[in-house]
Amino acid sequence: MTRFKKGDPVRLTTRYANALSKAVQAKRVDWRMRIGVVRACNDTQVTIMWPGRRSPDYVQVKGVEDA
């Protein structure tokens, strides 16, 4: 049973967002404050569509929290 449903607003956890910000060269996006929408979810990963992006991102369930 997954805890996220299609259409739920979510954001990245602080720990995951900080790791992502350090990995990206251009720090144009503040991943800690960005809110996306769940497109799909299974037991291990969540597919998130971020505003202003054309393609979704696949994130581990432990790296996502409710917005």
N, C-alpha and C. Protein backbone atom coordinates (compact mmCIF):
# COMPACT_ATOMS: atom_id res chain seq x y z
N MET A 1 0.85 -1.19 0.00
CA MET A 1 0.00 0.00 0.00
C MET A 1 0.89 1.24 0.00
N THR A 2 0.66 2.12 -0.93
CA THR A 2 1.43 3.35 -1.01
C THR A 2 0.69 4.47 -0.30
N ARG A 3 1.42 5.41 0.23
CA ARG A 3 0.76 6.48 0.96
C ARG A 3 0.48 7.71 0.11
N PHE A 4 1.01 7.73 -1.12
CA PHE A 4 0.76 8.85 -2.03
C PHE A 4 -0.21 8.41 -3.12
N LYS A 5 -1.09 9.31 -3.51
CA LYS A 5 -2.05 9.03 -4.56
C LYS A 5 -1.84 10.01 -5.70
N LYS A 6 -2.27 9.63 -6.88
CA LYS A 6 -2.15 10.48 -8.05
C LYS A 6 -2.86 11.81 -7.80
N GLY A 7 -2.15 12.91 -8.06
CA GLY A 7 -2.72 14.24 -7.87
C GLY A 7 -2.36 14.89 -6.54
N ASP A 8 -1.74 14.15 -5.62
CA ASP A 8 -1.36 14.72 -4.32
C ASP A 8 -0.20 15.71 -4.49
N PRO A 9 -0.26 16.87 -3.81
CA PRO A 9 0.89 17.78 -3.82
C PRO A 9 1.97 17.25 -2.86
N VAL A 10 3.21 17.24 -3.31
CA VAL A 10 4.32 16.73 -2.50
C VAL A 10 5.53 17.64 -2.65
N ARG A 11 6.47 17.48 -1.72
CA ARG A 11 7.76 18.15 -1.82
C ARG A 11 8.83 17.16 -1.37
N LEU A 12 10.06 17.49 -1.67
CA LEU A 12 11.17 16.63 -1.27
C LEU A 12 11.48 16.83 0.19
N THR A 13 11.97 15.79 0.85
CA THR A 13 12.41 15.93 2.23
C THR A 13 13.65 16.82 2.26
N THR A 14 13.92 17.43 3.38
CA THR A 14 15.05 18.34 3.50
C THR A 14 16.36 17.64 3.18
N ARG A 15 16.53 16.44 3.67
CA ARG A 15 17.77 15.70 3.44
C ARG A 15 17.97 15.39 1.95
N TYR A 16 16.92 14.93 1.29
CA TYR A 16 17.01 14.59 -0.14
C TYR A 16 17.20 15.86 -0.98
N ALA A 17 16.50 16.95 -0.63
CA ALA A 17 16.62 18.21 -1.37
C ALA A 17 18.02 18.79 -1.25
N ASN A 18 18.61 18.73 -0.06
CA ASN A 18 19.97 19.24 0.12
C ASN A 18 20.98 18.43 -0.70
N ALA A 19 20.82 17.12 -0.72
CA ALA A 19 21.71 16.27 -1.51
C ALA A 19 21.56 16.58 -2.99
N LEU A 20 20.35 16.80 -3.45
CA LEU A 20 20.10 17.11 -4.85
C LEU A 20 20.69 18.48 -5.22
N SER A 21 20.55 19.46 -4.34
CA SER A 21 21.08 20.79 -4.60
C SER A 21 22.61 20.78 -4.69
N LYS A 22 23.25 19.97 -3.89
CA LYS A 22 24.71 19.88 -3.93
C LYS A 22 25.20 19.17 -5.20
N ALA A 23 24.39 18.26 -5.71
CA ALA A 23 24.78 17.49 -6.88
C ALA A 23 24.63 18.29 -8.17
N VAL A 24 23.72 19.24 -8.19
CA VAL A 24 23.44 20.02 -9.40
C VAL A 24 24.40 21.21 -9.46
N GLN A 25 25.02 21.39 -10.62
CA GLN A 25 25.97 22.49 -10.79
C GLN A 25 25.28 23.85 -10.71
N ALA A 26 24.26 24.05 -11.52
CA ALA A 26 23.53 25.32 -11.53
C ALA A 26 22.47 25.28 -10.43
N LYS A 27 22.65 26.08 -9.41
CA LYS A 27 21.72 26.07 -8.27
C LYS A 27 20.61 27.09 -8.49
N ARG A 28 19.91 26.94 -9.60
CA ARG A 28 18.84 27.87 -9.92
C ARG A 28 17.54 27.53 -9.22
N VAL A 29 17.36 26.29 -8.83
CA VAL A 29 16.10 25.83 -8.24
C VAL A 29 16.30 25.53 -6.76
N ASP A 30 15.41 26.06 -5.93
CA ASP A 30 15.44 25.74 -4.51
C ASP A 30 14.54 24.53 -4.30
N TRP A 31 15.13 23.34 -4.28
CA TRP A 31 14.38 22.09 -4.20
C TRP A 31 13.68 21.93 -2.86
N ARG A 32 14.12 22.66 -1.83
CA ARG A 32 13.49 22.52 -0.51
C ARG A 32 12.09 23.13 -0.48
N MET A 33 11.83 24.12 -1.32
CA MET A 33 10.54 24.81 -1.30
C MET A 33 9.64 24.44 -2.47
N ARG A 34 10.14 23.72 -3.44
CA ARG A 34 9.38 23.42 -4.65
C ARG A 34 8.32 22.35 -4.37
N ILE A 35 7.13 22.55 -4.90
CA ILE A 35 6.02 21.61 -4.71
C ILE A 35 5.63 21.04 -6.07
N GLY A 36 5.53 19.72 -6.12
CA GLY A 36 5.14 19.03 -7.35
C GLY A 36 3.89 18.21 -7.13
N VAL A 37 3.43 17.56 -8.20
CA VAL A 37 2.21 16.77 -8.17
C VAL A 37 2.56 15.32 -8.52
N VAL A 38 2.02 14.39 -7.75
CA VAL A 38 2.27 12.96 -8.00
C VAL A 38 1.53 12.53 -9.27
N ARG A 39 2.26 11.91 -10.19
CA ARG A 39 1.64 11.35 -11.40
C ARG A 39 1.41 9.85 -11.24
N ALA A 40 2.31 9.18 -10.54
CA ALA A 40 2.19 7.74 -10.31
C ALA A 40 3.01 7.40 -9.07
N CYS A 41 2.69 6.25 -8.47
CA CYS A 41 3.41 5.84 -7.27
C CYS A 41 3.33 4.33 -7.14
N ASN A 42 4.45 3.72 -6.72
CA ASN A 42 4.44 2.31 -6.35
C ASN A 42 5.15 2.18 -5.02
N ASP A 43 5.51 0.98 -4.62
CA ASP A 43 6.09 0.77 -3.30
C ASP A 43 7.48 1.38 -3.13
N THR A 44 8.22 1.59 -4.21
CA THR A 44 9.60 2.06 -4.10
C THR A 44 9.84 3.45 -4.62
N GLN A 45 9.05 3.92 -5.59
CA GLN A 45 9.31 5.24 -6.15
C GLN A 45 8.03 6.01 -6.46
N VAL A 46 8.20 7.33 -6.52
CA VAL A 46 7.10 8.24 -6.83
C VAL A 46 7.48 9.01 -8.09
N THR A 47 6.55 9.13 -9.01
CA THR A 47 6.76 9.92 -10.22
C THR A 47 6.15 11.29 -9.97
N ILE A 48 7.00 12.34 -10.00
CA ILE A 48 6.56 13.69 -9.67
C ILE A 48 6.70 14.59 -10.89
N MET A 49 5.65 15.38 -11.15
CA MET A 49 5.69 16.38 -12.20
C MET A 49 5.84 17.74 -11.53
N TRP A 50 6.95 18.40 -11.83
CA TRP A 50 7.22 19.72 -11.26
C TRP A 50 6.70 20.80 -12.18
N PRO A 51 6.20 21.92 -11.64
CA PRO A 51 5.72 23.01 -12.50
C PRO A 51 6.88 23.58 -13.31
N GLY A 52 6.62 23.86 -14.58
CA GLY A 52 7.64 24.42 -15.45
C GLY A 52 8.54 23.39 -16.09
N ARG A 53 8.30 22.11 -15.87
CA ARG A 53 9.11 21.04 -16.47
C ARG A 53 8.25 20.19 -17.38
N ARG A 54 8.85 19.66 -18.43
CA ARG A 54 8.11 18.83 -19.37
C ARG A 54 8.14 17.36 -19.01
N SER A 55 9.19 16.93 -18.36
CA SER A 55 9.32 15.50 -18.04
C SER A 55 9.25 15.30 -16.52
N PRO A 56 8.69 14.18 -16.10
CA PRO A 56 8.58 13.91 -14.66
C PRO A 56 9.89 13.41 -14.09
N ASP A 57 10.03 13.49 -12.78
CA ASP A 57 11.19 12.95 -12.06
C ASP A 57 10.74 11.74 -11.25
N TYR A 58 11.63 10.77 -11.15
CA TYR A 58 11.38 9.57 -10.38
C TYR A 58 12.19 9.66 -9.09
N VAL A 59 11.50 9.65 -7.96
CA VAL A 59 12.13 9.85 -6.65
C VAL A 59 11.75 8.68 -5.75
N GLN A 60 12.70 8.25 -4.92
CA GLN A 60 12.41 7.21 -3.95
C GLN A 60 11.36 7.70 -2.96
N VAL A 61 10.53 6.79 -2.49
CA VAL A 61 9.44 7.15 -1.58
C VAL A 61 9.97 7.82 -0.31
N LYS A 62 11.11 7.38 0.19
CA LYS A 62 11.65 7.97 1.43
C LYS A 62 12.16 9.39 1.23
N GLY A 63 12.26 9.86 -0.01
CA GLY A 63 12.71 11.22 -0.28
C GLY A 63 11.59 12.19 -0.53
N VAL A 64 10.34 11.76 -0.29
CA VAL A 64 9.16 12.60 -0.58
C VAL A 64 8.29 12.71 0.65
N GLU A 65 7.69 13.92 0.85
CA GLU A 65 6.75 14.12 1.95
C GLU A 65 5.56 14.93 1.44
N ASP A 66 4.48 14.90 2.18
CA ASP A 66 3.29 15.68 1.81
C ASP A 66 3.60 17.17 1.90
N ALA A 67 3.00 17.92 0.99
CA ALA A 67 3.21 19.38 0.98
C ALA A 67 2.25 20.08 1.89
